[in-house]
């Protein structure tokens, strides 16, 4: 969902959002991004879906989601939410980094040695409504390439989570929810209440046509709750235990398990919540691809 073309048109019959008003509200609710200690957890990952016309008839799963397996994830420290555009801009100014994400554009000529306020004023974010001033998108999640976020993580003294760590974080959020329909993943994931996360209060499924602020969050963000983009990991996209390419589409996943792609979970503001909210759903982006639509949160090892 990275907007690249300067000729893109906004959705018909959809009013342009008041980005200035949204930014003012986000600024008034802005919080720091605290670190939370995540406990050691054992989680089940994946989904059992026999590729057979004989059934059972329930939910479809891609081959990279099969088969279920159990993993124990050590404790880590994690930030509660993804890094924001504003936080990333401060990093660029601090290290005098000239490269900006492909999701940004220069409104005016900018230098890497200018101070923060001037830097922000000279940049904007690409949207379907055209460039939105960076000053009005400071609280949105930053969307950048893997190499860019790796450099940020090193600067911050942290790292990106592995796929298992991110799954563990998401499952921890689900286990803490008080909703009666929030069940722990177990067995073969045949219960829809254990397979899917409710994303009705998140920025998915075209509820908005742009990212939304995430800096007001003071508790751990779960699956799909990242402001309108997917969740990055540092894990290579690879077969999980029991993987078998689909007979009907053998190259869907296998062609990209090439040591060049990284596993991504969740979805964007444009992805249907029934897909983005499926706990076993996986996507992937190339490491060096600049147009990936993924924010990132940071984790640290517990010494």
C-alpha atoms as a PDB file:
ATOM      1  CA  UNK A   1       0.000   0.000   0.000  1.00  0.00           C
ATOM      2  CA  UNK A   2       2.944   2.361  -0.411  1.00  0.00           C
ATOM      3  CA  UNK A   3       1.800   5.293  -2.535  1.00  0.00           C
ATOM      4  CA  UNK A   4       4.379   5.895  -5.253  1.00  0.00           C
ATOM      5  CA  UNK A   5       2.650   7.439  -8.272  1.00  0.00           C
ATOM      6  CA  UNK A   6       2.102  11.222  -8.243  1.00  0.00           C
ATOM      7  CA  UNK A   7      -1.020  10.645 -10.356  1.00  0.00           C
ATOM      8  CA  UNK A   8      -2.983   8.574  -7.865  1.00  0.00           C
ATOM      9  CA  UNK A   9      -6.594   9.646  -7.358  1.00  0.00           C
ATOM     10  CA  UNK A  10      -8.451   9.726  -4.036  1.00  0.00           C
ATOM     11  CA  UNK A  11     -11.374   7.333  -3.541  1.00  0.00           C
ATOM     12  CA  UNK A  12     -14.580   8.698  -5.115  1.00  0.00           C
ATOM     13  CA  UNK A  13     -17.296  10.068  -2.853  1.00  0.00           C
ATOM     14  CA  UNK A  14     -15.033   9.932   0.195  1.00  0.00           C
ATOM     15  CA  UNK A  15     -14.455  13.343   1.835  1.00  0.00           C
ATOM     16  CA  UNK A  16     -10.864  14.378   2.363  1.00  0.00           C
ATOM     17  CA  UNK A  17     -10.008  13.925   6.049  1.00  0.00           C
ATOM     18  CA  UNK A  18      -9.234  16.983   8.134  1.00  0.00           C
ATOM     19  CA  UNK A  19      -5.610  16.006   8.687  1.00  0.00           C
ATOM     20  CA  UNK A  20      -4.865  19.171  10.653  1.00  0.00           C
ATOM     21  CA  UNK A  21      -7.663  18.394  13.117  1.00  0.00           C
ATOM     22  CA  UNK A  22      -6.603  14.755  13.425  1.00  0.00           C
ATOM     23  CA  UNK A  23      -3.025  15.864  14.083  1.00  0.00           C
ATOM     24  CA  UNK A  24      -4.117  18.290  16.797  1.00  0.00           C
ATOM     25  CA  UNK A  25      -6.083  15.553  18.542  1.00  0.00           C
ATOM     26  CA  UNK A  26      -3.168  13.127  18.271  1.00  0.00           C
ATOM     27  CA  UNK A  27      -0.726  15.681  19.668  1.00  0.00           C
ATOM     28  CA  UNK A  28      -2.949  16.298  22.687  1.00  0.00           C
ATOM     29  CA  UNK A  29      -3.026  12.557  23.450  1.00  0.00           C
ATOM     30  CA  UNK A  30       0.616  11.773  22.679  1.00  0.00           C
ATOM     31  CA  UNK A  31       2.460   9.534  25.146  1.00  0.00           C
ATOM     32  CA  UNK A  32       5.935   8.104  25.406  1.00  0.00           C
ATOM     33  CA  UNK A  33       6.588   4.600  24.084  1.00  0.00           C
ATOM     34  CA  UNK A  34       7.372   2.645  27.266  1.00  0.00           C
ATOM     35  CA  UNK A  35       9.046  -0.735  27.532  1.00  0.00           C
ATOM     36  CA  UNK A  36       7.100  -3.673  28.940  1.00  0.00           C
ATOM     37  CA  UNK A  37       8.569  -6.976  30.048  1.00  0.00           C
ATOM     38  CA  UNK A  38       6.972  -9.818  28.144  1.00  0.00           C
ATOM     39  CA  UNK A  39       6.857 -13.114  30.054  1.00  0.00           C
ATOM     40  CA  UNK A  40       8.102 -16.451  28.818  1.00  0.00           C
ATOM     41  CA  UNK A  41       5.255 -18.046  26.898  1.00  0.00           C
ATOM     42  CA  UNK A  42       4.429 -21.239  25.096  1.00  0.00           C
ATOM     43  CA  UNK A  43       2.235 -20.586  22.073  1.00  0.00           C
ATOM     44  CA  UNK A  44       0.834 -22.581  19.200  1.00  0.00           C
ATOM     45  CA  UNK A  45       1.514 -21.175  15.755  1.00  0.00           C
ATOM     46  CA  UNK A  46      -0.120 -22.218  12.516  1.00  0.00           C
ATOM     47  CA  UNK A  47      -3.348 -23.775  11.378  1.00  0.00           C
ATOM     48  CA  UNK A  48      -4.562 -27.241  10.395  1.00  0.00           C
ATOM     49  CA  UNK A  49      -6.401 -27.174   7.072  1.00  0.00           C
ATOM     50  CA  UNK A  50      -6.262 -30.399   5.035  1.00  0.00           C
ATOM     51  CA  UNK A  51      -6.087 -29.649   1.319  1.00  0.00           C
ATOM     52  CA  UNK A  52      -8.884 -32.009   0.415  1.00  0.00           C
ATOM     53  CA  UNK A  53     -12.346 -31.851  -1.116  1.00  0.00           C
ATOM     54  CA  UNK A  54     -13.427 -34.324   1.534  1.00  0.00           C
ATOM     55  CA  UNK A  55     -13.421 -31.587   4.168  1.00  0.00           C
ATOM     56  CA  UNK A  56     -13.711 -30.542   6.825  1.00  0.00           C
ATOM     57  CA  UNK A  57     -15.280 -27.339   5.545  1.00  0.00           C
ATOM     58  CA  UNK A  58     -14.307 -24.443   7.809  1.00  0.00           C
ATOM     59  CA  UNK A  59     -11.560 -21.897   7.112  1.00  0.00           C
ATOM     60  CA  UNK A  60      -9.052 -21.604   4.311  1.00  0.00           C
ATOM     61  CA  UNK A  61      -5.346 -21.356   5.090  1.00  0.00           C
ATOM     62  CA  UNK A  62      -2.362 -20.778   2.831  1.00  0.00           C
ATOM     63  CA  UNK A  63       0.382 -23.378   2.794  1.00  0.00           C
ATOM     64  CA  UNK A  64       2.740 -21.149   4.823  1.00  0.00           C
ATOM     65  CA  UNK A  65       0.248 -21.282   7.723  1.00  0.00           C
ATOM     66  CA  UNK A  66       0.354 -25.071   7.976  1.00  0.00           C
ATOM     67  CA  UNK A  67       0.907 -27.155  10.108  1.00  0.00           C
ATOM     68  CA  UNK A  68       0.408 -26.083  13.747  1.00  0.00           C
ATOM     69  CA  UNK A  69       3.431 -26.309  16.017  1.00  0.00           C
ATOM     70  CA  UNK A  70       4.260 -25.328  19.580  1.00  0.00           C
ATOM     71  CA  UNK A  71       7.084 -22.987  20.518  1.00  0.00           C
ATOM     72  CA  UNK A  72       8.328 -21.593  23.827  1.00  0.00           C
ATOM     73  CA  UNK A  73       9.453 -17.974  23.579  1.00  0.00           C
ATOM     74  CA  UNK A  74      11.880 -16.580  26.202  1.00  0.00           C
ATOM     75  CA  UNK A  75      10.992 -13.343  28.020  1.00  0.00           C
ATOM     76  CA  UNK A  76      11.876 -10.060  26.310  1.00  0.00           C
ATOM     77  CA  UNK A  77      11.311  -6.352  26.725  1.00  0.00           C
ATOM     78  CA  UNK A  78       9.081  -4.779  24.085  1.00  0.00           C
ATOM     79  CA  UNK A  79       7.853  -1.295  23.328  1.00  0.00           C
ATOM     80  CA  UNK A  80       4.083  -1.070  23.526  1.00  0.00           C
ATOM     81  CA  UNK A  81       3.594   0.291  20.006  1.00  0.00           C
ATOM     82  CA  UNK A  82       5.388   0.883  16.699  1.00  0.00           C
ATOM     83  CA  UNK A  83       7.806   3.762  16.179  1.00  0.00           C
ATOM     84  CA  UNK A  84       6.101   6.934  14.941  1.00  0.00           C
ATOM     85  CA  UNK A  85       6.984   9.270  12.086  1.00  0.00           C
ATOM     86  CA  UNK A  86       7.922  11.930  14.623  1.00  0.00           C
ATOM     87  CA  UNK A  87      10.299   9.628  16.474  1.00  0.00           C
ATOM     88  CA  UNK A  88      11.862   8.512  13.215  1.00  0.00           C
ATOM     89  CA  UNK A  89      12.284  12.125  12.082  1.00  0.00           C
ATOM     90  CA  UNK A  90      14.151  12.914  15.300  1.00  0.00           C
ATOM     91  CA  UNK A  91      16.473  10.004  14.580  1.00  0.00           C
ATOM     92  CA  UNK A  92      17.156  11.218  11.025  1.00  0.00           C
ATOM     93  CA  UNK A  93      18.016  14.672  12.335  1.00  0.00           C
ATOM     94  CA  UNK A  94      20.137  13.295  15.183  1.00  0.00           C
ATOM     95  CA  UNK A  95      22.315  11.082  12.969  1.00  0.00           C
ATOM     96  CA  UNK A  96      22.184  13.442   9.970  1.00  0.00           C
ATOM     97  CA  UNK A  97      20.828  10.667   7.762  1.00  0.00           C
ATOM     98  CA  UNK A  98      19.951  11.984   4.275  1.00  0.00           C
ATOM     99  CA  UNK A  99      17.830   8.997   3.186  1.00  0.00           C
ATOM    100  CA  UNK A 100      14.117   9.287   3.924  1.00  0.00           C
ATOM    101  CA  UNK A 101      11.569   6.451   3.640  1.00  0.00           C
ATOM    102  CA  UNK A 102       9.927   5.888   0.257  1.00  0.00           C
ATOM    103  CA  UNK A 103       6.618   6.748   1.924  1.00  0.00           C
ATOM    104  CA  UNK A 104       7.853  10.311   2.521  1.00  0.00           C
ATOM    105  CA  UNK A 105       8.586  13.116   0.090  1.00  0.00           C
ATOM    106  CA  UNK A 106      10.475  16.377   0.235  1.00  0.00           C
ATOM    107  CA  UNK A 107       8.174  19.370   0.131  1.00  0.00           C
ATOM    108  CA  UNK A 108      11.136  21.680  -0.201  1.00  0.00           C
ATOM    109  CA  UNK A 109      14.860  21.146  -0.488  1.00  0.00           C
ATOM    110  CA  UNK A 110      16.044  19.687   2.792  1.00  0.00           C
ATOM    111  CA  UNK A 111      19.436  19.157   4.360  1.00  0.00           C
ATOM    112  CA  UNK A 112      20.446  16.437   6.786  1.00  0.00           C
ATOM    113  CA  UNK A 113      22.048  18.936   9.159  1.00  0.00           C
ATOM    114  CA  UNK A 114      18.998  21.099   9.884  1.00  0.00           C
ATOM    115  CA  UNK A 115      17.142  21.181  13.181  1.00  0.00           C
ATOM    116  CA  UNK A 116      14.026  19.118  13.839  1.00  0.00           C
ATOM    117  CA  UNK A 117      11.284  21.720  13.303  1.00  0.00           C
ATOM    118  CA  UNK A 118      12.741  22.841   9.988  1.00  0.00           C
ATOM    119  CA  UNK A 119      13.240  19.235   8.904  1.00  0.00           C
ATOM    120  CA  UNK A 120       9.593  18.399   9.615  1.00  0.00           C
ATOM    121  CA  UNK A 121       8.387  21.472   7.730  1.00  0.00           C
ATOM    122  CA  UNK A 122      10.279  20.381   4.619  1.00  0.00           C
ATOM    123  CA  UNK A 123       8.789  16.886   4.381  1.00  0.00           C
ATOM    124  CA  UNK A 124       5.425  15.259   3.770  1.00  0.00           C
ATOM    125  CA  UNK A 125       3.821  11.805   3.723  1.00  0.00           C
ATOM    126  CA  UNK A 126       2.409  10.260   0.551  1.00  0.00           C
ATOM    127  CA  UNK A 127      -1.313   9.440   0.703  1.00  0.00           C
ATOM    128  CA  UNK A 128      -4.171   8.831  -1.720  1.00  0.00           C
ATOM    129  CA  UNK A 129      -5.072  12.496  -1.186  1.00  0.00           C
ATOM    130  CA  UNK A 130      -1.626  13.612  -2.173  1.00  0.00           C
ATOM    131  CA  UNK A 131       1.161  14.755   0.152  1.00  0.00           C
ATOM    132  CA  UNK A 132       0.157  15.360   3.771  1.00  0.00           C
ATOM    133  CA  UNK A 133       2.563  17.590   5.729  1.00  0.00           C
ATOM    134  CA  UNK A 134       4.778  15.547   8.017  1.00  0.00           C
ATOM    135  CA  UNK A 135       3.748  17.903  10.816  1.00  0.00           C
ATOM    136  CA  UNK A 136       0.221  16.460  10.464  1.00  0.00           C
ATOM    137  CA  UNK A 137       1.414  12.847  10.444  1.00  0.00           C
ATOM    138  CA  UNK A 138       3.961  12.798  13.271  1.00  0.00           C
ATOM    139  CA  UNK A 139       1.857  10.347  15.267  1.00  0.00           C
ATOM    140  CA  UNK A 140       1.331   7.875  12.444  1.00  0.00           C
ATOM    141  CA  UNK A 141       3.497   4.737  12.405  1.00  0.00           C
ATOM    142  CA  UNK A 142       6.606   5.186  10.297  1.00  0.00           C
ATOM    143  CA  UNK A 143       6.695   2.884   7.287  1.00  0.00           C
ATOM    144  CA  UNK A 144      10.184   2.145   5.975  1.00  0.00           C
ATOM    145  CA  UNK A 145      12.381  -0.578   4.502  1.00  0.00           C
ATOM    146  CA  UNK A 146      14.040  -3.280   6.571  1.00  0.00           C
ATOM    147  CA  UNK A 147      17.511  -1.802   6.117  1.00  0.00           C
ATOM    148  CA  UNK A 148      16.263   1.607   7.282  1.00  0.00           C
ATOM    149  CA  UNK A 149      14.551   0.280  10.386  1.00  0.00           C
ATOM    150  CA  UNK A 150      17.557  -1.903  11.199  1.00  0.00           C
ATOM    151  CA  UNK A 151      19.709   1.229  11.366  1.00  0.00           C
ATOM    152  CA  UNK A 152      17.127   2.916  13.606  1.00  0.00           C
ATOM    153  CA  UNK A 153      17.024  -0.108  15.901  1.00  0.00           C
ATOM    154  CA  UNK A 154      20.806  -0.136  16.261  1.00  0.00           C
ATOM    155  CA  UNK A 155      20.760   3.589  17.049  1.00  0.00           C
ATOM    156  CA  UNK A 156      18.099   2.942  19.712  1.00  0.00           C
ATOM    157  CA  UNK A 157      20.057   0.080  21.275  1.00  0.00           C
ATOM    158  CA  UNK A 158      17.374  -2.427  20.364  1.00  0.00           C
ATOM    159  CA  UNK A 159      16.319  -4.763  17.577  1.00  0.00           C
ATOM    160  CA  UNK A 160      13.299  -5.952  15.632  1.00  0.00           C
ATOM    161  CA  UNK A 161      11.387  -8.925  17.046  1.00  0.00           C
ATOM    162  CA  UNK A 162      11.559 -12.393  15.578  1.00  0.00           C
ATOM    163  CA  UNK A 163       8.391 -13.914  14.175  1.00  0.00           C
ATOM    164  CA  UNK A 164       7.986 -16.067  17.283  1.00  0.00           C
ATOM    165  CA  UNK A 165       8.515 -13.084  19.587  1.00  0.00           C
ATOM    166  CA  UNK A 166       5.911 -11.065  17.726  1.00  0.00           C
ATOM    167  CA  UNK A 167       3.433 -13.942  17.786  1.00  0.00           C
ATOM    168  CA  UNK A 168       4.073 -14.247  21.523  1.00  0.00           C
ATOM    169  CA  UNK A 169       3.416 -10.526  22.030  1.00  0.00           C
ATOM    170  CA  UNK A 170       0.154 -10.753  20.111  1.00  0.00           C
ATOM    171  CA  UNK A 171      -0.929 -13.824  22.036  1.00  0.00           C
ATOM    172  CA  UNK A 172      -0.090 -12.139  25.332  1.00  0.00           C
ATOM    173  CA  UNK A 173      -2.387  -9.256  24.383  1.00  0.00           C
ATOM    174  CA  UNK A 174      -5.168 -11.710  23.589  1.00  0.00           C
ATOM    175  CA  UNK A 175      -4.709 -13.555  26.858  1.00  0.00           C
ATOM    176  CA  UNK A 176      -4.986 -10.296  28.769  1.00  0.00           C
ATOM    177  CA  UNK A 177      -8.190  -9.241  27.098  1.00  0.00           C
ATOM    178  CA  UNK A 178     -11.241  -9.602  29.271  1.00  0.00           C
ATOM    179  CA  UNK A 179     -13.639 -10.281  26.404  1.00  0.00           C
ATOM    180  CA  UNK A 180     -15.489 -13.564  26.792  1.00  0.00           C
ATOM    181  CA  UNK A 181     -14.721 -14.534  23.203  1.00  0.00           C
ATOM    182  CA  UNK A 182     -10.946 -14.179  23.619  1.00  0.00           C
ATOM    183  CA  UNK A 183      -9.559 -17.690  23.747  1.00  0.00           C
ATOM    184  CA  UNK A 184      -5.995 -18.900  23.968  1.00  0.00           C
ATOM    185  CA  UNK A 185      -4.618 -20.543  20.851  1.00  0.00           C
ATOM    186  CA  UNK A 186      -4.488 -24.281  21.373  1.00  0.00           C
ATOM    187  CA  UNK A 187      -4.721 -27.614  19.580  1.00  0.00           C
ATOM    188  CA  UNK A 188      -5.437 -27.346  15.852  1.00  0.00           C
ATOM    189  CA  UNK A 189      -7.019 -23.891  15.724  1.00  0.00           C
ATOM    190  CA  UNK A 190     -10.427 -25.030  14.551  1.00  0.00           C
ATOM    191  CA  UNK A 191     -12.376 -22.640  16.762  1.00  0.00           C
ATOM    192  CA  UNK A 192     -12.982 -19.246  15.087  1.00  0.00           C
ATOM    193  CA  UNK A 193     -12.714 -17.522  18.450  1.00  0.00           C
ATOM    194  CA  UNK A 194      -9.192 -18.895  18.784  1.00  0.00           C
ATOM    195  CA  UNK A 195      -8.189 -18.362  15.146  1.00  0.00           C
ATOM    196  CA  UNK A 196      -9.272 -14.757  14.659  1.00  0.00           C
ATOM    197  CA  UNK A 197      -8.652 -11.505  16.510  1.00  0.00           C
ATOM    198  CA  UNK A 198     -11.416  -8.905  16.600  1.00  0.00           C
ATOM    199  CA  UNK A 199     -10.128  -5.903  14.624  1.00  0.00           C
ATOM    200  CA  UNK A 200     -13.336  -3.876  14.705  1.00  0.00           C
ATOM    201  CA  UNK A 201     -11.643  -1.078  16.670  1.00  0.00           C
ATOM    202  CA  UNK A 202      -8.496  -0.980  14.520  1.00  0.00           C
ATOM    203  CA  UNK A 203      -7.559   0.840  11.316  1.00  0.00           C
ATOM    204  CA  UNK A 204      -8.266  -1.959   8.844  1.00  0.00           C
ATOM    205  CA  UNK A 205     -10.736  -2.801   6.100  1.00  0.00           C
ATOM    206  CA  UNK A 206     -10.944   0.712   4.605  1.00  0.00           C
ATOM    207  CA  UNK A 207     -12.275   2.342   7.757  1.00  0.00           C
ATOM    208  CA  UNK A 208      -9.765   5.007   6.759  1.00  0.00           C
ATOM    209  CA  UNK A 209      -7.722   5.424   3.597  1.00  0.00           C
ATOM    210  CA  UNK A 210      -4.581   6.406   5.453  1.00  0.00           C
ATOM    211  CA  UNK A 211      -2.664   5.490   8.617  1.00  0.00           C
ATOM    212  CA  UNK A 212      -3.896   6.737  11.981  1.00  0.00           C
ATOM    213  CA  UNK A 213      -2.063   7.925  15.069  1.00  0.00           C
ATOM    214  CA  UNK A 214      -0.636   5.341  17.442  1.00  0.00           C
ATOM    215  CA  UNK A 215       1.185   7.493  20.016  1.00  0.00           C
ATOM    216  CA  UNK A 216      -1.815   7.633  22.374  1.00  0.00           C
ATOM    217  CA  UNK A 217      -1.461   3.938  23.173  1.00  0.00           C
ATOM    218  CA  UNK A 218      -0.176   3.167  26.661  1.00  0.00           C
ATOM    219  CA  UNK A 219      -0.659  -0.577  26.597  1.00  0.00           C
ATOM    220  CA  UNK A 220       0.716  -3.319  24.407  1.00  0.00           C
ATOM    221  CA  UNK A 221      -0.566  -3.270  20.823  1.00  0.00           C
ATOM    222  CA  UNK A 222      -1.882  -6.573  19.567  1.00  0.00           C
ATOM    223  CA  UNK A 223      -2.288  -8.088  16.136  1.00  0.00           C
ATOM    224  CA  UNK A 224      -3.545  -5.549  13.589  1.00  0.00           C
ATOM    225  CA  UNK A 225      -3.459  -2.682  16.077  1.00  0.00           C
ATOM    226  CA  UNK A 226      -0.559  -0.797  14.509  1.00  0.00           C
ATOM    227  CA  UNK A 227      -2.294   2.199  12.955  1.00  0.00           C
ATOM    228  CA  UNK A 228      -2.992   0.773   9.512  1.00  0.00           C
ATOM    229  CA  UNK A 229       0.048  -1.211   8.411  1.00  0.00           C
ATOM    230  CA  UNK A 230       1.524  -4.665   8.982  1.00  0.00           C
ATOM    231  CA  UNK A 231       4.060  -5.677  11.653  1.00  0.00           C
ATOM    232  CA  UNK A 232       7.748  -6.231  10.828  1.00  0.00           C
ATOM    233  CA  UNK A 233       9.901  -9.126  11.975  1.00  0.00           C
ATOM    234  CA  UNK A 234      13.567  -9.958  11.493  1.00  0.00           C
ATOM    235  CA  UNK A 235      12.799 -13.594  10.631  1.00  0.00           C
ATOM    236  CA  UNK A 236      13.365 -14.910   7.129  1.00  0.00           C
ATOM    237  CA  UNK A 237      10.236 -16.135   5.373  1.00  0.00           C
ATOM    238  CA  UNK A 238      10.790 -19.881   5.532  1.00  0.00           C
ATOM    239  CA  UNK A 239       8.892 -23.174   5.812  1.00  0.00           C
ATOM    240  CA  UNK A 240       7.455 -23.921   9.220  1.00  0.00           C
ATOM    241  CA  UNK A 241       7.386 -27.507  10.518  1.00  0.00           C
ATOM    242  CA  UNK A 242       5.141 -29.666   8.357  1.00  0.00           C
ATOM    243  CA  UNK A 243       5.177 -27.230   5.416  1.00  0.00           C
ATOM    244  CA  UNK A 244       4.052 -28.622   2.077  1.00  0.00           C
ATOM    245  CA  UNK A 245       3.479 -26.440  -1.018  1.00  0.00           C
ATOM    246  CA  UNK A 246      -0.166 -26.302  -2.038  1.00  0.00           C
ATOM    247  CA  UNK A 247      -1.124 -28.593  -4.891  1.00  0.00           C
ATOM    248  CA  UNK A 248      -3.362 -25.928  -6.411  1.00  0.00           C
ATOM    249  CA  UNK A 249      -0.746 -23.147  -6.150  1.00  0.00           C
ATOM    250  CA  UNK A 250       2.671 -24.658  -5.402  1.00  0.00           C
ATOM    251  CA  UNK A 251       4.580 -21.434  -5.979  1.00  0.00           C
ATOM    252  CA  UNK A 252       2.472 -19.199  -3.734  1.00  0.00           C
ATOM    253  CA  UNK A 253       4.900 -19.350  -0.813  1.00  0.00           C
ATOM    254  CA  UNK A 254       7.757 -21.600  -1.877  1.00  0.00           C
ATOM    255  CA  UNK A 255       9.023 -19.249  -4.598  1.00  0.00           C
ATOM    256  CA  UNK A 256       9.682 -16.587  -1.960  1.00  0.00           C
ATOM    257  CA  UNK A 257      11.383 -18.765   0.626  1.00  0.00           C
ATOM    258  CA  UNK A 258      14.704 -17.717  -0.841  1.00  0.00           C
ATOM    259  CA  UNK A 259      16.649 -16.135   2.053  1.00  0.00           C
ATOM    260  CA  UNK A 260      15.743 -12.707   0.647  1.00  0.00           C
ATOM    261  CA  UNK A 261      12.293 -12.165   2.122  1.00  0.00           C
ATOM    262  CA  UNK A 262      11.251 -11.449   5.703  1.00  0.00           C
ATOM    263  CA  UNK A 263       8.085 -12.618   7.428  1.00  0.00           C
ATOM    264  CA  UNK A 264       5.422  -9.980   8.075  1.00  0.00           C
ATOM    265  CA  UNK A 265       2.192 -10.358  10.057  1.00  0.00           C
ATOM    266  CA  UNK A 266      -1.033  -8.398  10.278  1.00  0.00           C
ATOM    267  CA  UNK A 267      -2.356  -6.112   7.563  1.00  0.00           C
ATOM    268  CA  UNK A 268      -2.965  -2.569   6.394  1.00  0.00           C
ATOM    269  CA  UNK A 269      -5.824  -0.089   6.395  1.00  0.00           C
ATOM    270  CA  UNK A 270      -6.850  -1.688   3.074  1.00  0.00           C
ATOM    271  CA  UNK A 271      -6.786  -5.355   4.093  1.00  0.00           C
ATOM    272  CA  UNK A 272      -9.991  -7.103   5.118  1.00  0.00           C
ATOM    273  CA  UNK A 273      -9.955  -7.681   8.893  1.00  0.00           C
ATOM    274  CA  UNK A 274     -10.930 -11.317   8.379  1.00  0.00           C
ATOM    275  CA  UNK A 275      -7.510 -11.775   6.766  1.00  0.00           C
ATOM    276  CA  UNK A 276      -5.462  -9.310   8.815  1.00  0.00           C
ATOM    277  CA  UNK A 277      -6.974 -10.677  12.017  1.00  0.00           C
ATOM    278  CA  UNK A 278      -6.217 -14.332  11.339  1.00  0.00           C
ATOM    279  CA  UNK A 279      -3.501 -15.274  13.803  1.00  0.00           C
ATOM    280  CA  UNK A 280      -1.712 -17.598  11.396  1.00  0.00           C
ATOM    281  CA  UNK A 281      -1.717 -15.246   8.377  1.00  0.00           C
ATOM    282  CA  UNK A 282       1.713 -14.406   6.948  1.00  0.00           C
ATOM    283  CA  UNK A 283       2.996 -12.008   4.333  1.00  0.00           C
ATOM    284  CA  UNK A 284       6.532 -11.171   3.242  1.00  0.00           C
ATOM    285  CA  UNK A 285       8.706  -8.367   1.873  1.00  0.00           C
ATOM    286  CA  UNK A 286      12.188  -8.310   0.427  1.00  0.00           C
ATOM    287  CA  UNK A 287      14.828  -6.967   2.792  1.00  0.00           C
ATOM    288  CA  UNK A 288      15.967  -4.165   0.518  1.00  0.00           C
ATOM    289  CA  UNK A 289      12.579  -3.296  -0.974  1.00  0.00           C
ATOM    290  CA  UNK A 290      11.946   0.383  -0.275  1.00  0.00           C
ATOM    291  CA  UNK A 291       8.197   0.250  -0.837  1.00  0.00           C
ATOM    292  CA  UNK A 292       7.265  -2.198   1.906  1.00  0.00           C
ATOM    293  CA  UNK A 293       4.178  -1.201   3.889  1.00  0.00           C
ATOM    294  CA  UNK A 294       5.288  -2.203   7.365  1.00  0.00           C
ATOM    295  CA  UNK A 295       5.946  -0.240  10.555  1.00  0.00           C
ATOM    296  CA  UNK A 296       8.045  -1.720  13.332  1.00  0.00           C
ATOM    297  CA  UNK A 297       8.227  -2.002  17.080  1.00  0.00           C
ATOM    298  CA  UNK A 298      11.418  -2.564  19.030  1.00  0.00           C
ATOM    299  CA  UNK A 299      12.407  -5.275  21.486  1.00  0.00           C
ATOM    300  CA  UNK A 300      15.383  -5.910  23.736  1.00  0.00           C
ATOM    301  CA  UNK A 301      16.798  -9.034  25.280  1.00  0.00           C
ATOM    302  CA  UNK A 302      16.508  -9.448  29.034  1.00  0.00           C
ATOM    303  CA  UNK A 303      19.986  -9.876  30.450  1.00  0.00           C
END
